[in-house]
Protein backbone atom coordinates (compact mmCIF):
# COMPACT_ATOMS: atom_id res chain seq x y z
CA UNK A 1 -48.38 -78.91 53.90
CA UNK A 2 -45.89 -79.29 51.05
CA UNK A 3 -48.62 -80.68 48.80
CA UNK A 4 -50.87 -77.70 49.63
CA UNK A 5 -48.10 -75.16 48.76
CA UNK A 6 -47.41 -77.01 45.51
CA UNK A 7 -51.10 -76.77 44.60
CA UNK A 8 -51.10 -73.01 45.37
CA UNK A 9 -48.11 -72.46 43.10
CA UNK A 10 -49.76 -74.51 40.35
CA UNK A 11 -52.99 -72.53 40.61
CA UNK A 12 -51.00 -69.27 40.51
CA UNK A 13 -49.41 -70.44 37.30
CA UNK A 14 -52.79 -71.30 35.83
CA UNK A 15 -54.12 -67.84 36.73
CA UNK A 16 -51.14 -66.09 35.14
CA UNK A 17 -50.93 -67.97 31.87
CA UNK A 18 -54.54 -69.10 31.40
CA UNK A 19 -55.84 -72.65 31.71
CA UNK A 20 -55.50 -73.51 28.00
CA UNK A 21 -51.92 -72.17 27.78
CA UNK A 22 -50.98 -73.99 30.97
CA UNK A 23 -52.32 -77.30 29.65
CA UNK A 24 -50.37 -76.78 26.43
CA UNK A 25 -47.11 -76.02 28.26
CA UNK A 26 -47.51 -78.83 30.78
CA UNK A 27 -48.14 -81.37 28.03
CA UNK A 28 -44.72 -80.65 26.55
CA UNK A 29 -46.02 -79.06 23.33
CA UNK A 30 -45.43 -75.43 24.47
CA UNK A 31 -43.57 -72.57 22.78
CA UNK A 32 -40.17 -73.36 21.24
CA UNK A 33 -37.10 -72.57 23.32
CA UNK A 34 -36.05 -69.17 21.83
CA UNK A 35 -33.34 -66.90 23.23
CA UNK A 36 -34.59 -63.49 24.42
CA UNK A 37 -31.93 -61.76 22.32
CA UNK A 38 -33.08 -63.45 19.07
CA UNK A 39 -35.85 -61.82 16.97
CA UNK A 40 -39.25 -63.48 17.25
CA UNK A 41 -40.45 -65.30 14.11
CA UNK A 42 -43.23 -63.54 12.19
CA UNK A 43 -42.73 -60.20 14.03
CA UNK A 44 -41.66 -57.20 11.87
CA UNK A 45 -38.28 -55.65 12.65
CA UNK A 46 -38.67 -52.68 15.04
CA UNK A 47 -37.66 -49.20 13.85
CA UNK A 48 -36.17 -46.99 16.58
CA UNK A 49 -35.96 -43.19 16.58
CA UNK A 50 -32.35 -42.11 16.03
CA UNK A 51 -30.62 -38.79 16.64
CA UNK A 52 -27.89 -37.98 14.16
CA UNK A 53 -25.43 -35.96 16.23
CA UNK A 54 -27.12 -32.85 17.67
CA UNK A 55 -29.06 -31.99 14.52
CA UNK A 56 -32.41 -33.09 15.93
CA UNK A 57 -32.16 -30.81 18.98
CA UNK A 58 -30.77 -27.85 17.06
CA UNK A 59 -32.75 -24.61 17.24
CA UNK A 60 -33.70 -23.34 13.79
CA UNK A 61 -33.82 -19.56 13.27
CA UNK A 62 -35.18 -17.53 10.33
CA UNK A 63 -35.27 -13.74 10.05
CA UNK A 64 -38.20 -12.35 8.04
CA UNK A 65 -37.99 -9.34 5.73
CA UNK A 66 -39.37 -6.98 8.41
CA UNK A 67 -36.69 -8.02 10.95
CA UNK A 68 -38.85 -10.41 13.01
CA UNK A 69 -36.96 -13.56 14.08
CA UNK A 70 -38.70 -16.95 14.00
CA UNK A 71 -37.08 -19.62 16.20
CA UNK A 72 -38.24 -23.17 16.75
CA UNK A 73 -37.21 -26.34 18.53
CA UNK A 74 -38.82 -29.63 17.57
CA UNK A 75 -40.09 -31.74 20.46
CA UNK A 76 -42.26 -34.73 19.70
CA UNK A 77 -45.82 -34.72 21.05
CA UNK A 78 -49.27 -33.51 20.13
CA UNK A 79 -48.99 -30.19 21.99
CA UNK A 80 -46.84 -27.16 21.28
CA UNK A 81 -45.92 -23.90 23.03
CA UNK A 82 -45.74 -20.83 20.81
CA UNK A 83 -45.30 -17.20 21.77
CA UNK A 84 -44.00 -13.75 20.96
CA UNK A 85 -41.19 -12.27 23.07
CA UNK A 86 -40.63 -8.51 22.92
CA UNK A 87 -37.46 -6.69 23.95
CA UNK A 88 -39.47 -4.42 26.24
CA UNK A 89 -39.80 -4.20 30.02
CA UNK A 90 -39.67 -1.91 33.01
CA UNK A 91 -36.02 -0.99 32.26
CA UNK A 92 -37.20 0.90 29.13
CA UNK A 93 -39.56 3.25 31.00
CA UNK A 94 -37.05 6.07 31.59
CA UNK A 95 -39.05 8.57 29.49
CA UNK A 96 -42.43 7.33 30.74
CA UNK A 97 -44.26 6.95 34.07
CA UNK A 98 -43.12 3.65 35.60
CA UNK A 99 -45.59 0.77 35.37
CA UNK A 100 -46.41 0.59 31.64
CA UNK A 101 -45.00 -2.96 31.26
CA UNK A 102 -46.99 -4.00 34.35
CA UNK A 103 -50.17 -2.55 32.78
CA UNK A 104 -49.53 -4.29 29.43
CA UNK A 105 -49.04 -7.60 31.24
CA UNK A 106 -52.49 -7.25 32.86
CA UNK A 107 -54.13 -6.05 29.61
CA UNK A 108 -52.74 -8.94 27.53
CA UNK A 109 -55.24 -11.21 25.72
CA UNK A 110 -58.11 -8.75 26.26
CA UNK A 111 -60.34 -7.65 23.33
CA UNK A 112 -58.62 -7.25 19.94
CA UNK A 113 -59.61 -6.33 16.37
CA UNK A 114 -60.60 -9.97 15.76
CA UNK A 115 -61.91 -11.00 19.20
CA UNK A 116 -64.57 -9.08 21.12
CA UNK A 117 -63.46 -10.07 24.62
CA UNK A 118 -61.04 -12.13 26.70
CA UNK A 119 -63.73 -14.83 27.03
CA UNK A 120 -63.90 -15.14 23.24
CA UNK A 121 -60.11 -15.66 23.10
CA UNK A 122 -60.26 -18.32 25.83
CA UNK A 123 -63.14 -20.14 24.09
CA UNK A 124 -61.16 -20.17 20.82
CA UNK A 125 -58.14 -21.65 22.58
CA UNK A 126 -60.34 -24.17 24.40
CA UNK A 127 -61.25 -25.77 21.06
CA UNK A 128 -57.56 -26.67 20.68
CA UNK A 129 -57.00 -27.56 24.35
CA UNK A 130 -55.06 -24.32 24.76
CA UNK A 131 -54.14 -21.86 27.52
CA UNK A 132 -52.52 -18.40 27.30
CA UNK A 133 -50.35 -16.27 29.55
CA UNK A 134 -48.36 -13.03 29.53
CA UNK A 135 -45.37 -12.20 31.75
CA UNK A 136 -43.46 -8.93 31.87
CA UNK A 137 -40.00 -8.80 33.45
CA UNK A 138 -37.43 -6.01 33.67
CA UNK A 139 -36.17 -6.57 30.12
CA UNK A 140 -38.69 -8.82 28.30
CA UNK A 141 -42.43 -9.12 27.75
CA UNK A 142 -43.59 -12.60 26.79
CA UNK A 143 -46.96 -13.60 25.27
CA UNK A 144 -47.34 -17.40 25.18
CA UNK A 145 -49.90 -20.02 24.20
CA UNK A 146 -49.81 -23.80 24.73
CA UNK A 147 -52.19 -25.75 22.48
CA UNK A 148 -52.54 -28.72 20.15
CA UNK A 149 -50.17 -28.71 17.16
CA UNK A 150 -53.18 -28.91 14.80
CA UNK A 151 -54.29 -25.45 15.98
CA UNK A 152 -50.99 -23.69 15.13
CA UNK A 153 -52.57 -21.44 12.48
CA UNK A 154 -55.24 -20.21 14.93
CA UNK A 155 -52.64 -19.75 17.69
CA UNK A 156 -50.27 -17.57 15.62
CA UNK A 157 -53.23 -15.54 14.29
CA UNK A 158 -54.42 -14.99 17.88
CA UNK A 159 -50.93 -14.02 19.10
CA UNK A 160 -50.54 -11.51 16.26
CA UNK A 161 -53.90 -9.98 17.13
CA UNK A 162 -53.19 -9.85 20.89
CA UNK A 163 -49.76 -8.20 20.44
CA UNK A 164 -50.39 -5.87 17.47
CA UNK A 165 -54.16 -5.20 17.50
CA UNK A 166 -55.31 -4.76 21.14
CA UNK A 167 -58.35 -2.48 21.52
CA UNK A 168 -57.33 -1.15 24.97
CA UNK A 169 -60.90 -0.10 25.81
CA UNK A 170 -61.51 2.39 28.63
CA UNK A 171 -63.32 -0.23 30.75
CA UNK A 172 -60.40 -2.67 30.28
CA UNK A 173 -57.89 -0.02 31.40
CA UNK A 174 -60.08 0.77 34.43
CA UNK A 175 -60.25 -2.92 35.36
CA UNK A 176 -56.46 -3.10 34.99
CA UNK A 177 -56.07 -0.15 37.39
CA UNK A 178 -58.12 -2.08 39.96
CA UNK A 179 -56.04 -5.25 39.40
CA UNK A 180 -52.76 -3.32 39.77
CA UNK A 181 -53.93 -1.61 42.99
CA UNK A 182 -54.93 -5.00 44.43
CA UNK A 183 -51.57 -6.52 43.48
CA UNK A 184 -49.68 -3.65 45.14
CA UNK A 185 -51.72 -4.14 48.35
CA UNK A 186 -51.09 -7.88 48.24
CA UNK A 187 -47.35 -7.30 47.70
CA UNK A 188 -47.02 -5.38 50.96
CA UNK A 189 -49.20 -7.81 52.95
CA UNK A 190 -48.03 -11.24 51.84
CA UNK A 191 -45.95 -13.32 54.30
CA UNK A 192 -43.28 -14.05 51.66
CA UNK A 193 -41.31 -10.78 51.26
CA UNK A 194 -39.03 -12.04 48.45
CA UNK A 195 -40.75 -10.14 45.53
CA UNK A 196 -40.71 -6.89 47.52
CA UNK A 197 -37.07 -7.38 48.58
CA UNK A 198 -36.09 -8.08 44.96
CA UNK A 199 -37.68 -4.75 43.97
CA UNK A 200 -35.83 -2.98 46.79
CA UNK A 201 -32.40 -4.51 46.04
CA UNK A 202 -32.67 -3.51 42.36
CA UNK A 203 -33.68 0.03 43.36
CA UNK A 204 -30.64 0.19 45.68
CA UNK A 205 -28.17 -1.32 43.19
CA UNK A 206 -29.23 0.71 40.11
CA UNK A 207 -30.65 3.87 41.63
CA UNK A 208 -33.03 5.56 39.18
CA UNK A 209 -31.81 3.82 36.00
CA UNK A 210 -32.63 0.82 33.75
CA UNK A 211 -33.11 -2.37 35.82
CA UNK A 212 -33.41 -0.25 38.98
CA UNK A 213 -36.72 1.22 37.76
CA UNK A 214 -39.83 -0.29 39.45
CA UNK A 215 -41.15 -3.51 37.91
CA UNK A 216 -44.49 -3.04 39.65
CA UNK A 217 -46.48 0.07 38.81
CA UNK A 218 -46.06 2.68 41.60
CA UNK A 219 -49.32 3.93 43.17
CA UNK A 220 -48.74 7.47 41.80
CA UNK A 221 -48.57 6.16 38.21
CA UNK A 222 -51.81 4.15 38.24
CA UNK A 223 -54.04 7.08 37.17
CA UNK A 224 -51.48 8.53 34.73
CA UNK A 225 -51.40 5.52 32.39
CA UNK A 226 -54.04 5.73 29.66
CA UNK A 227 -54.61 4.51 26.09
CA UNK A 228 -52.68 7.41 24.49
CA UNK A 229 -49.61 6.84 26.68
CA UNK A 230 -49.71 3.08 26.05
CA UNK A 231 -49.89 3.63 22.27
CA UNK A 232 -46.89 6.01 22.41
CA UNK A 233 -44.87 3.37 24.27
CA UNK A 234 -45.99 0.51 22.00
CA UNK A 235 -45.10 2.55 18.91
CA UNK A 236 -41.47 2.72 20.08
CA UNK A 237 -40.93 -0.79 21.49
CA UNK A 238 -43.35 -3.19 19.77
CA UNK A 239 -41.63 -3.25 16.38
CA UNK A 240 -40.71 -6.44 14.45
CA UNK A 241 -36.93 -6.10 14.86
CA UNK A 242 -37.41 -6.18 18.68
CA UNK A 243 -39.53 -9.37 18.55
CA UNK A 244 -39.06 -13.14 18.34
CA UNK A 245 -41.77 -15.64 17.45
CA UNK A 246 -40.63 -18.79 19.27
CA UNK A 247 -42.16 -22.24 19.14
CA UNK A 248 -41.48 -25.64 20.68
CA UNK A 249 -43.05 -28.85 19.40
CA UNK A 250 -43.70 -27.73 15.80
CA UNK A 251 -42.01 -27.95 12.40
CA UNK A 252 -39.92 -24.87 11.63
CA UNK A 253 -41.24 -24.43 8.06
CA UNK A 254 -44.82 -24.52 9.36
CA UNK A 255 -44.09 -21.81 11.95
CA UNK A 256 -42.32 -19.61 9.37
CA UNK A 257 -45.32 -19.96 7.01
CA UNK A 258 -47.69 -18.83 9.80
CA UNK A 259 -45.37 -15.93 10.70
CA UNK A 260 -45.35 -14.72 7.07
CA UNK A 261 -49.13 -14.98 6.96
CA UNK A 262 -49.94 -13.15 10.21
CA UNK A 263 -46.87 -11.08 11.21
CA UNK A 264 -45.14 -9.92 8.03
CA UNK A 265 -47.33 -7.17 6.56
CA UNK A 266 -49.54 -6.35 9.53
CA UNK A 267 -50.01 -2.69 10.46
CA UNK A 268 -50.29 -2.31 14.26
CA UNK A 269 -53.30 -0.49 15.71
CA UNK A 270 -51.00 2.35 16.92
CA UNK A 271 -49.62 3.05 13.43
CA UNK A 272 -46.09 2.88 12.08
CA UNK A 273 -43.31 1.95 14.53
CA UNK A 274 -40.74 4.56 15.61
CA UNK A 275 -37.77 2.51 16.89
CA UNK A 276 -35.64 5.69 16.95
CA UNK A 277 -37.30 6.59 20.29
CA UNK A 278 -36.01 3.43 22.01
CA UNK A 279 -34.06 4.01 25.23
CA UNK A 280 -30.62 2.41 24.79
CA UNK A 281 -29.26 3.31 28.25
CA UNK A 282 -26.66 0.92 29.68
CA UNK A 283 -27.23 -0.14 33.31
CA UNK A 284 -25.22 1.96 35.77
CA UNK A 285 -24.46 0.11 39.00
CA UNK A 286 -24.56 2.59 41.90
CA UNK A 287 -24.86 0.50 45.07
CA UNK A 288 -26.68 1.95 48.06
CA UNK A 289 -29.36 1.08 50.59
CA UNK A 290 -33.17 1.01 50.57
CA UNK A 291 -34.79 0.69 54.00
CA UNK A 292 -38.44 0.03 54.78
CA UNK A 293 -39.33 0.18 58.47
CA UNK A 294 -42.40 -2.00 58.83
CA UNK A 295 -44.29 -3.78 61.59
CA UNK A 296 -44.05 -7.48 60.60
CA UNK A 297 -45.66 -8.83 63.81
CA UNK A 298 -49.08 -9.42 62.22
CA UNK A 299 -48.04 -10.57 58.73
CA UNK A 300 -49.30 -14.11 59.35
CA UNK A 301 -52.12 -14.63 61.86
CA UNK A 302 -53.74 -17.92 62.86
CA UNK A 303 -53.05 -20.90 65.13
CA UNK A 304 -49.38 -21.12 64.02
CA UNK A 305 -48.35 -17.58 63.01
CA UNK A 306 -44.98 -16.84 61.44
CA UNK A 307 -42.80 -15.08 64.06
CA UNK A 308 -41.88 -11.43 63.56
CA UNK A 309 -38.81 -11.31 61.33
CA UNK A 310 -36.50 -8.70 59.86
CA UNK A 311 -35.39 -9.37 56.29
CA UNK A 312 -32.04 -8.25 54.86
CA UNK A 313 -30.75 -8.67 51.33
CA UNK A 314 -27.14 -7.78 50.47
CA UNK A 315 -25.94 -7.82 46.86
CA UNK A 316 -22.84 -7.08 44.79
CA UNK A 317 -22.44 -6.50 41.06
CA UNK A 318 -21.70 -9.68 39.08
CA UNK A 319 -21.81 -9.72 35.26
CA UNK A 320 -24.14 -9.86 32.26
CA UNK A 321 -25.34 -13.17 30.80
CA UNK A 322 -23.43 -12.32 27.61
CA UNK A 323 -20.02 -12.45 29.36
CA UNK A 324 -17.87 -15.57 29.80
CA UNK A 325 -17.91 -15.07 33.59
CA UNK A 326 -21.67 -15.72 33.69
CA UNK A 327 -21.12 -19.49 34.02
CA UNK A 328 -18.63 -19.24 36.96
CA UNK A 329 -21.11 -16.90 38.70
CA UNK A 330 -23.92 -19.44 38.14
CA UNK A 331 -21.72 -22.15 39.72
CA UNK A 332 -20.85 -19.83 42.63
CA UNK A 333 -24.56 -19.11 43.21
CA UNK A 334 -25.27 -22.87 43.25
CA UNK A 335 -22.36 -23.43 45.64
CA UNK A 336 -23.81 -20.85 48.07
CA UNK A 337 -27.34 -22.30 47.72
CA UNK A 338 -29.24 -22.09 50.97
CA UNK A 339 -32.97 -21.92 51.68
CA UNK A 340 -35.31 -21.90 54.67
CA UNK A 341 -34.39 -23.20 58.11
CA UNK A 342 -36.95 -26.01 57.73
CA UNK A 343 -36.47 -28.56 54.97
CA UNK A 344 -37.48 -32.17 54.54
CA UNK A 345 -33.96 -32.86 53.26
CA UNK A 346 -33.27 -35.45 50.59
CA UNK A 347 -31.27 -35.38 47.34
CA UNK A 348 -31.18 -32.10 45.41
CA UNK A 349 -32.32 -29.99 48.39
CA UNK A 350 -28.97 -28.24 48.60
CA UNK A 351 -28.30 -29.38 52.17
CA UNK A 352 -24.54 -29.39 51.46
CA UNK A 353 -24.40 -25.83 50.14
CA UNK A 354 -22.41 -23.24 52.09
CA UNK A 355 -25.40 -21.28 53.38
CA UNK A 356 -26.79 -24.49 54.89
CA UNK A 357 -23.52 -25.82 56.30
CA UNK A 358 -22.02 -22.53 57.54
CA UNK A 359 -25.15 -20.54 58.40
CA UNK A 360 -28.43 -22.41 58.93
CA UNK A 361 -26.85 -25.48 60.55
CA UNK A 362 -24.75 -23.38 62.95
CA UNK A 363 -27.16 -20.56 63.84
CA UNK A 364 -30.52 -22.04 64.85
CA UNK A 365 -32.11 -18.59 65.23
CA UNK A 366 -31.79 -17.77 61.52
CA UNK A 367 -34.94 -18.53 59.57
CA UNK A 368 -33.61 -18.13 56.06
CA UNK A 369 -30.39 -17.69 54.09
CA UNK A 370 -30.67 -17.96 50.32
CA UNK A 371 -28.43 -16.92 47.43
CA UNK A 372 -29.91 -15.38 44.24
CA UNK A 373 -28.32 -14.40 40.94
CA UNK A 374 -30.07 -11.88 38.66
CA UNK A 375 -28.45 -11.40 35.26
CA UNK A 376 -29.27 -9.04 32.38
CA UNK A 377 -27.74 -8.17 29.00
CA UNK A 378 -25.43 -5.49 30.47
CA UNK A 379 -25.13 -6.21 34.20
CA UNK A 380 -25.83 -8.71 36.98
CA UNK A 381 -26.42 -8.89 40.71
CA UNK A 382 -25.51 -11.70 43.13
CA UNK A 383 -27.27 -11.34 46.47
CA UNK A 384 -28.00 -13.18 49.71
CA UNK A 385 -31.35 -12.88 51.49
CA UNK A 386 -31.42 -13.60 55.22
CA UNK A 387 -34.10 -13.28 57.90
CA UNK A 388 -34.06 -13.49 61.70
CA UNK A 389 -35.55 -12.02 64.87
CA UNK A 390 -35.23 -8.17 64.91
CA UNK A 391 -32.98 -8.32 68.00
CA UNK A 392 -30.33 -10.35 66.12
CA UNK A 393 -30.14 -8.30 62.91
CA UNK A 394 -26.60 -7.02 63.52
CA UNK A 395 -25.25 -10.54 64.10
CA UNK A 396 -27.14 -11.82 61.04
CA UNK A 397 -25.65 -9.09 58.79
CA UNK A 398 -22.15 -9.94 60.01
CA UNK A 399 -22.69 -13.66 59.25
CA UNK A 400 -23.72 -12.77 55.66
CA UNK A 401 -20.78 -10.35 55.12
CA UNK A 402 -18.41 -13.09 56.36
CA UNK A 403 -19.90 -15.50 53.80
CA UNK A 404 -19.27 -12.97 51.01
CA UNK A 405 -15.62 -12.60 52.08
CA UNK A 406 -15.16 -16.38 52.31
CA UNK A 407 -16.37 -16.76 48.71
CA UNK A 408 -12.94 -15.41 47.66
CA UNK A 409 -11.17 -18.34 49.33
CA UNK A 410 -10.24 -21.45 47.37
CA UNK A 411 -13.25 -23.69 46.83
CA UNK A 412 -12.84 -27.33 47.84
CA UNK A 413 -12.72 -29.85 45.00
CA UNK A 414 -15.71 -31.83 46.29
CA UNK A 415 -17.99 -28.82 46.89
CA UNK A 416 -17.10 -27.37 43.47
CA UNK A 417 -17.87 -30.67 41.70
CA UNK A 418 -21.11 -31.00 43.67
CA UNK A 419 -22.18 -27.46 42.68
CA UNK A 420 -21.34 -28.07 39.01
CA UNK A 421 -23.21 -31.40 38.98
CA UNK A 422 -26.22 -29.85 40.72
CA UNK A 423 -26.28 -26.94 38.23
CA UNK A 424 -26.10 -29.31 35.24
CA UNK A 425 -28.81 -31.57 36.64
CA UNK A 426 -31.07 -28.57 37.37
CA UNK A 427 -30.52 -27.24 33.84
CA UNK A 428 -31.34 -30.59 32.22
CA UNK A 429 -34.35 -31.25 34.44
CA UNK A 430 -35.81 -27.80 33.74
CA UNK A 431 -35.34 -28.35 30.01
CA UNK A 432 -37.57 -31.44 30.19
CA UNK A 433 -40.50 -29.01 30.34
CA UNK A 434 -41.84 -27.65 27.03
CA UNK A 435 -42.72 -24.13 28.35
CA UNK A 436 -39.21 -23.82 29.84
CA UNK A 437 -37.59 -24.79 26.51
CA UNK A 438 -39.83 -22.18 24.82
CA UNK A 439 -38.70 -19.43 27.20
CA UNK A 440 -35.04 -20.47 26.87
CA UNK A 441 -35.21 -20.45 23.04
CA UNK A 442 -37.05 -17.12 22.93
CA UNK A 443 -34.86 -15.27 25.44
CA UNK A 444 -31.55 -16.48 23.97
CA UNK A 445 -32.54 -15.65 20.38
CA UNK A 446 -33.93 -12.25 21.45
CA UNK A 447 -30.70 -11.37 23.28
CA UNK A 448 -28.04 -12.91 21.02
CA UNK A 449 -29.71 -13.97 17.76
CA UNK A 450 -28.72 -17.61 18.41
CA UNK A 451 -29.11 -20.34 21.05
CA UNK A 452 -26.53 -22.28 23.04
CA UNK A 453 -27.68 -25.88 23.32
CA UNK A 454 -27.81 -27.71 26.68
CA UNK A 455 -24.74 -29.88 25.91
CA UNK A 456 -22.71 -26.70 25.15
CA UNK A 457 -23.75 -25.16 28.48
CA UNK A 458 -22.90 -28.40 30.31
CA UNK A 459 -19.41 -28.34 28.75
CA UNK A 460 -18.92 -24.73 29.89
CA UNK A 461 -20.06 -25.65 33.43
CA UNK A 462 -17.66 -28.63 33.51
CA UNK A 463 -14.74 -26.35 32.57
CA UNK A 464 -15.21 -24.01 35.58
CA UNK A 465 -12.26 -24.23 37.99
CA UNK A 466 -11.67 -23.10 41.58
CA UNK A 467 -9.45 -20.28 40.24
CA UNK A 468 -12.38 -19.03 38.09
CA UNK A 469 -14.57 -18.84 41.20
CA UNK A 470 -11.84 -16.99 43.11
CA UNK A 471 -11.25 -14.56 40.22
CA UNK A 472 -14.92 -13.59 39.74
CA UNK A 473 -15.47 -13.26 43.49
CA UNK A 474 -12.44 -11.00 43.96
CA UNK A 475 -13.72 -8.78 41.14
CA UNK A 476 -17.25 -8.75 42.63
CA UNK A 477 -16.02 -7.74 46.09
CA UNK A 478 -14.56 -4.55 44.60
CA UNK A 479 -18.06 -3.16 43.94
CA UNK A 480 -20.12 -1.17 46.44
CA UNK A 481 -22.77 -3.23 48.21
CA UNK A 482 -26.48 -2.89 47.52
CA UNK A 483 -28.63 -3.40 50.62
CA UNK A 484 -32.39 -3.87 51.07
CA UNK A 485 -33.81 -3.98 54.61
CA UNK A 486 -37.42 -4.70 55.60
CA UNK A 487 -39.04 -4.93 59.05
CA UNK A 488 -37.95 -3.67 62.49
CA UNK A 489 -34.58 -2.04 61.71
CA UNK A 490 -33.67 -0.76 65.20
CA UNK A 491 -30.55 -3.00 65.37
CA UNK A 492 -29.66 -2.61 61.69
CA UNK A 493 -25.99 -1.60 61.17
CA UNK A 494 -25.30 1.47 59.03
CA UNK A 495 -24.56 1.20 55.31
CA UNK A 496 -21.00 2.45 55.96
CA UNK A 497 -20.41 -0.38 58.45
CA UNK A 498 -21.67 -2.99 55.97
CA UNK A 499 -19.37 -1.52 53.30
CA UNK A 500 -16.43 -1.60 55.73
CA UNK A 501 -17.14 -5.26 56.60
CA UNK A 502 -17.17 -6.24 52.90
CA UNK A 503 -13.85 -4.41 52.42
CA UNK A 504 -12.18 -6.13 55.40
CA UNK A 505 -10.26 -9.42 55.42
CA UNK A 506 -12.64 -11.33 57.69
CA UNK A 507 -16.04 -9.70 57.00
CA UNK A 508 -16.54 -8.48 60.59
CA UNK A 509 -18.55 -5.31 61.20
CA UNK A 510 -16.71 -2.46 62.96
CA UNK A 511 -17.12 -2.65 66.75
CA UNK A 512 -19.67 -0.36 68.36
CA UNK A 513 -19.26 0.94 71.90
CA UNK A 514 -22.37 2.09 73.74
CA UNK A 515 -22.46 3.83 77.11
CA UNK A 516 -26.14 3.02 77.60
CA UNK A 517 -28.21 0.15 76.28
């Protein structure tokens, strides 16, 4: 038996090293006995990539003569992400019918002066392994392309054409109307109510102004938006000084050369820009409530339908991303965490956040409790979304108001460190992705003219203390609540009761006495 095992081991050795090599080694004339730490003879000395301080990850920024900013971040690889970010979104539609930014998002990368159709654009990008996308938010519109670095010239030329020379043909506008109508239908029918609730909480918090204006085009505006109206809007907001050409994965000088070639002396299809007509309104936080009574019993049909739920979102004013308190609010949001009642668990799932420990783990009937933080250049909103059976809405609201009040208590050392570590790890993991770096570079340069690097943000996060959390929470609790409610609202407490609970010491709703049930 021992002899058989010895033979097996010998044959394994022969298979691994080869018969000839094995014979050589076994005869005693094998390779010389060299230490693994010593360089091998005859092998050239390896050259390793080195980073001198933070210079290699520094974002380079150049402002062209027309006011356009060019920002780049080098990231080694054969692909790059390049795009144009415009300081334009639904918050700037005060003087216009709401929905223009939504329309422009759908019309992006359609026919231009240089390209006859969207298909032609996609075929051009395909030659360079590229894809394109446009996203409009409340304060920014972003046109982006990911493609091979070798195709940079074509990419910047295409971006310039898509942003400054769109044809906006009647048939394209009609197709966009159909797409917008479909999206609005889908928004009200989808099982996940989060996008609709986000719309409602903004409308409640900033009633009729700036970031409270609808991000999705309202049904009544669909027919009002035409080529003439779009050109009037573009003339005011799509001017070079409100734009950033951002790129990740390319040399800065190369990007600047392309910007000068395609974006410096280009006359837009709508004529000269009139930046004097730009709406410079500052966000006015109002607080308030937006209710939508809706039958949610048939939202999800099938063998395992989602039960009928009522969704509540309660928010309070936080701060802008330009303020120093933005970082403590980001840590607070991470500390609250939360999510759905079902989770596979595991590291990074946030199972030790307050909304899991205090809410979902203690109240089995709650289906969701999640914290969100929306931040803009002049305001911010920290809110908690919760959902439960319609009969338990009052109890659910009280649980959430109690959580808001408890935020002002002193945070434990361990939970604060955990939240800070989780925020830093999430930041660094997100910045592994090239499109995320692109968006970060573009948004920061558009808002502030410079970019804070990841190590600077990590230092700021590390410096947050329990007293910072208590200070920002105390300040936040002084604002009026914003409330969004969706579903069967029979048991929903009044706005005044929610406001009273958030002004109390313990977060309890005022007691209600009923003679008849």
